[in-house]
Amino acid sequence: EVQLVESGGALVQAGGSLRLSCTASGFHFTDYTIGWFRQAPGKEREGISCINSSDRSTWYSDSVKGRFTISKDNAEKKVYLQMNGLKPEDTAVYYCALDLRFGAVPGPPATLRYDYWGQGTQVTVSS
């Protein structure tokens, strides 16, 4: 069974940093794409970053570009989201999601097919 588990969410002051982790399990494919999404209360879910396991291809939304960095540990099937310069508007539940298709190119969510999702981790940024 494919599973994704997020961790690392916390309450942090504006300007601070957090590192989220996403641990994937239950599959043996070596080429896959993991994306990070977030959903704030009353707002639609927003795709913010993704990374492909086979190369260094990444994608960032404009809202996080330059502040967030996605990285991976293929051996552990982990993907990280380093979040710096956090703002109150970054407050949301953060989810990771998995696209298992071979050769998927990191890009905006509409270009990928995320079939598996984690339960989310809460990030709260106080002003």
C-alpha atoms as a PDB file:
ATOM      1  CA  GLU A   1       0.000   0.000   0.000  1.00  0.00           C
ATOM      2  CA  VAL A   2       1.390   3.356  -1.017  1.00  0.00           C
ATOM      3  CA  GLN A   3       1.662   5.755   1.908  1.00  0.00           C
ATOM      4  CA  LEU A   4       2.868   9.311   2.328  1.00  0.00           C
ATOM      5  CA  VAL A   5       3.534  10.781   5.746  1.00  0.00           C
ATOM      6  CA  GLU A   6       4.311  14.431   6.331  1.00  0.00           C
ATOM      7  CA  SER A   7       6.046  15.805   9.394  1.00  0.00           C
ATOM      8  CA  GLY A   8       7.710  18.972  10.609  1.00  0.00           C
ATOM      9  CA  GLY A   9       4.798  21.347  10.853  1.00  0.00           C
ATOM     10  CA  ALA A  10       4.836  23.751  13.778  1.00  0.00           C
ATOM     11  CA  LEU A  11       4.031  27.218  15.056  1.00  0.00           C
ATOM     12  CA  VAL A  12       6.731  29.681  14.061  1.00  0.00           C
ATOM     13  CA  GLN A  13       7.144  33.450  14.071  1.00  0.00           C
ATOM     14  CA  ALA A  14       7.180  35.460  10.888  1.00  0.00           C
ATOM     15  CA  GLY A  15      10.636  35.453   9.355  1.00  0.00           C
ATOM     16  CA  GLY A  16      11.422  32.059  10.780  1.00  0.00           C
ATOM     17  CA  SER A  17      12.161  28.751   9.099  1.00  0.00           C
ATOM     18  CA  LEU A  18      10.803  25.229   9.079  1.00  0.00           C
ATOM     19  CA  ARG A  19      11.702  22.041   7.271  1.00  0.00           C
ATOM     20  CA  LEU A  20       8.909  19.708   6.309  1.00  0.00           C
ATOM     21  CA  SER A  21       9.498  16.060   5.502  1.00  0.00           C
ATOM     22  CA  CYS A  22       7.511  13.680   3.358  1.00  0.00           C
ATOM     23  CA  THR A  23       8.239   9.976   3.681  1.00  0.00           C
ATOM     24  CA  ALA A  24       6.934   7.714   0.950  1.00  0.00           C
ATOM     25  CA  SER A  25       6.570   3.949   1.175  1.00  0.00           C
ATOM     26  CA  GLY A  26       4.800   0.991  -0.361  1.00  0.00           C
ATOM     27  CA  PHE A  27       6.237   1.110  -3.873  1.00  0.00           C
ATOM     28  CA  HIS A  28       9.452   0.169  -5.656  1.00  0.00           C
ATOM     29  CA  PHE A  29       9.486   2.490  -8.643  1.00  0.00           C
ATOM     30  CA  THR A  30      12.610   4.587  -8.913  1.00  0.00           C
ATOM     31  CA  ASP A  31      11.169   7.307 -11.139  1.00  0.00           C
ATOM     32  CA  TYR A  32       8.443   9.350  -9.523  1.00  0.00           C
ATOM     33  CA  THR A  33       7.521  12.904  -8.687  1.00  0.00           C
ATOM     34  CA  ILE A  34       6.556  14.231  -5.282  1.00  0.00           C
ATOM     35  CA  GLY A  35       4.826  17.539  -4.887  1.00  0.00           C
ATOM     36  CA  TRP A  36       4.047  19.814  -1.977  1.00  0.00           C
ATOM     37  CA  PHE A  37       0.681  21.472  -1.666  1.00  0.00           C
ATOM     38  CA  ARG A  38      -0.921  23.667   0.946  1.00  0.00           C
ATOM     39  CA  GLN A  39      -4.428  24.649   1.860  1.00  0.00           C
ATOM     40  CA  ALA A  40      -5.296  27.587   4.066  1.00  0.00           C
ATOM     41  CA  PRO A  41      -8.716  27.903   5.732  1.00  0.00           C
ATOM     42  CA  GLY A  42     -11.306  29.040   3.240  1.00  0.00           C
ATOM     43  CA  LYS A  43      -8.909  28.824   0.313  1.00  0.00           C
ATOM     44  CA  GLU A  44      -8.318  26.367  -2.484  1.00  0.00           C
ATOM     45  CA  ARG A  45      -5.485  23.902  -2.343  1.00  0.00           C
ATOM     46  CA  GLU A  46      -2.337  25.362  -3.895  1.00  0.00           C
ATOM     47  CA  GLY A  47       0.520  23.438  -5.445  1.00  0.00           C
ATOM     48  CA  ILE A  48       3.791  25.041  -4.384  1.00  0.00           C
ATOM     49  CA  SER A  49       6.664  22.775  -5.403  1.00  0.00           C
ATOM     50  CA  CYS A  50       7.618  19.399  -6.779  1.00  0.00           C
ATOM     51  CA  ILE A  51      10.679  17.332  -7.555  1.00  0.00           C
ATOM     52  CA  ASN A  52      11.460  14.318  -9.673  1.00  0.00           C
ATOM     53  CA  SER A  53      13.335  11.411  -8.133  1.00  0.00           C
ATOM     54  CA  SER A  54      15.513  10.681 -11.163  1.00  0.00           C
ATOM     55  CA  ASP A  55      17.098  14.045 -11.747  1.00  0.00           C
ATOM     56  CA  ARG A  56      17.329  17.480 -10.272  1.00  0.00           C
ATOM     57  CA  SER A  57      14.235  18.851 -11.957  1.00  0.00           C
ATOM     58  CA  THR A  58      12.133  21.000  -9.672  1.00  0.00           C
ATOM     59  CA  TRP A  59       9.276  23.437  -9.921  1.00  0.00           C
ATOM     60  CA  TYR A  60       8.125  26.236  -7.608  1.00  0.00           C
ATOM     61  CA  SER A  61       5.058  28.412  -7.585  1.00  0.00           C
ATOM     62  CA  ASP A  62       5.626  32.137  -7.690  1.00  0.00           C
ATOM     63  CA  SER A  63       4.307  32.433  -4.149  1.00  0.00           C
ATOM     64  CA  VAL A  64       7.242  30.491  -2.677  1.00  0.00           C
ATOM     65  CA  LYS A  65      10.011  30.842  -5.248  1.00  0.00           C
ATOM     66  CA  GLY A  66      13.167  32.149  -3.622  1.00  0.00           C
ATOM     67  CA  ARG A  67      12.015  31.313  -0.094  1.00  0.00           C
ATOM     68  CA  PHE A  68      11.314  27.574  -0.209  1.00  0.00           C
ATOM     69  CA  THR A  69      13.660  24.827  -1.380  1.00  0.00           C
ATOM     70  CA  ILE A  70      12.659  21.282  -2.210  1.00  0.00           C
ATOM     71  CA  SER A  71      15.142  18.433  -1.931  1.00  0.00           C
ATOM     72  CA  LYS A  72      15.155  14.652  -1.816  1.00  0.00           C
ATOM     73  CA  ASP A  73      16.777  11.602  -0.342  1.00  0.00           C
ATOM     74  CA  ASN A  74      16.048   8.818  -2.794  1.00  0.00           C
ATOM     75  CA  ALA A  75      17.510   6.102  -0.599  1.00  0.00           C
ATOM     76  CA  GLU A  76      15.027   6.941   2.136  1.00  0.00           C
ATOM     77  CA  LYS A  77      12.227   7.950  -0.268  1.00  0.00           C
ATOM     78  CA  LYS A  78      12.033  11.264   1.528  1.00  0.00           C
ATOM     79  CA  VAL A  79      11.356  14.696   0.136  1.00  0.00           C
ATOM     80  CA  TYR A  80      11.996  17.828   2.138  1.00  0.00           C
ATOM     81  CA  LEU A  81      10.644  21.345   1.913  1.00  0.00           C
ATOM     82  CA  GLN A  82      12.909  23.918   3.515  1.00  0.00           C
ATOM     83  CA  MET A  83      10.846  27.021   4.195  1.00  0.00           C
ATOM     84  CA  ASN A  84      12.660  30.247   4.977  1.00  0.00           C
ATOM     85  CA  GLY A  85      11.369  33.756   5.437  1.00  0.00           C
ATOM     86  CA  LEU A  86       7.984  32.496   6.513  1.00  0.00           C
ATOM     87  CA  LYS A  87       5.061  34.882   6.371  1.00  0.00           C
ATOM     88  CA  PRO A  88       1.654  34.742   8.073  1.00  0.00           C
ATOM     89  CA  GLU A  89       0.123  34.031   4.674  1.00  0.00           C
ATOM     90  CA  ASP A  90       2.108  30.780   4.563  1.00  0.00           C
ATOM     91  CA  THR A  91      -0.145  29.461   7.323  1.00  0.00           C
ATOM     92  CA  ALA A  92      -1.837  26.339   6.004  1.00  0.00           C
ATOM     93  CA  VAL A  93      -2.001  22.580   6.149  1.00  0.00           C
ATOM     94  CA  TYR A  94       0.829  21.280   3.998  1.00  0.00           C
ATOM     95  CA  TYR A  95       0.424  18.061   2.050  1.00  0.00           C
ATOM     96  CA  CYS A  96       2.734  15.977  -0.066  1.00  0.00           C
ATOM     97  CA  ALA A  97       1.481  13.993  -3.015  1.00  0.00           C
ATOM     98  CA  LEU A  98       2.904  11.371  -5.364  1.00  0.00           C
ATOM     99  CA  ASP A  99       2.847  10.971  -9.136  1.00  0.00           C
ATOM    100  CA  LEU A 100       4.152   7.500  -9.983  1.00  0.00           C
ATOM    101  CA  ARG A 101       4.276   7.930 -13.726  1.00  0.00           C
ATOM    102  CA  PHE A 102       7.638   7.275 -15.359  1.00  0.00           C
ATOM    103  CA  GLY A 103       9.135  10.381 -16.945  1.00  0.00           C
ATOM    104  CA  ALA A 104       6.817  12.921 -15.364  1.00  0.00           C
ATOM    105  CA  VAL A 105       8.330  16.382 -15.620  1.00  0.00           C
ATOM    106  CA  PRO A 106       8.043  18.636 -12.566  1.00  0.00           C
ATOM    107  CA  GLY A 107       5.722  21.521 -13.236  1.00  0.00           C
ATOM    108  CA  PRO A 108       2.437  23.099 -12.182  1.00  0.00           C
ATOM    109  CA  PRO A 109      -0.060  20.701 -10.603  1.00  0.00           C
ATOM    110  CA  ALA A 110      -2.256  20.614 -13.701  1.00  0.00           C
ATOM    111  CA  THR A 111       0.592  18.991 -15.630  1.00  0.00           C
ATOM    112  CA  LEU A 112       0.948  16.081 -13.222  1.00  0.00           C
ATOM    113  CA  ARG A 113      -1.244  13.327 -11.866  1.00  0.00           C
ATOM    114  CA  TYR A 114      -1.090  12.992  -8.118  1.00  0.00           C
ATOM    115  CA  ASP A 115      -2.796   9.757  -7.205  1.00  0.00           C
ATOM    116  CA  TYR A 116      -1.573   9.475  -3.634  1.00  0.00           C
ATOM    117  CA  TRP A 117      -1.750  12.002  -0.821  1.00  0.00           C
ATOM    118  CA  GLY A 118      -0.559  12.334   2.725  1.00  0.00           C
ATOM    119  CA  GLN A 119      -2.654  13.452   5.679  1.00  0.00           C
ATOM    120  CA  GLY A 120      -1.000  16.845   6.007  1.00  0.00           C
ATOM    121  CA  THR A 121       0.946  18.777   8.609  1.00  0.00           C
ATOM    122  CA  GLN A 122      -0.064  22.140  10.066  1.00  0.00           C
ATOM    123  CA  VAL A 123       2.173  25.156   9.623  1.00  0.00           C
ATOM    124  CA  THR A 124       1.192  28.289  11.508  1.00  0.00           C
ATOM    125  CA  VAL A 125       3.133  31.520  11.117  1.00  0.00           C
ATOM    126  CA  SER A 126       2.441  34.187  13.711  1.00  0.00           C
ATOM    127  CA  SER A 127       2.936  37.866  13.005  1.00  0.00           C
END
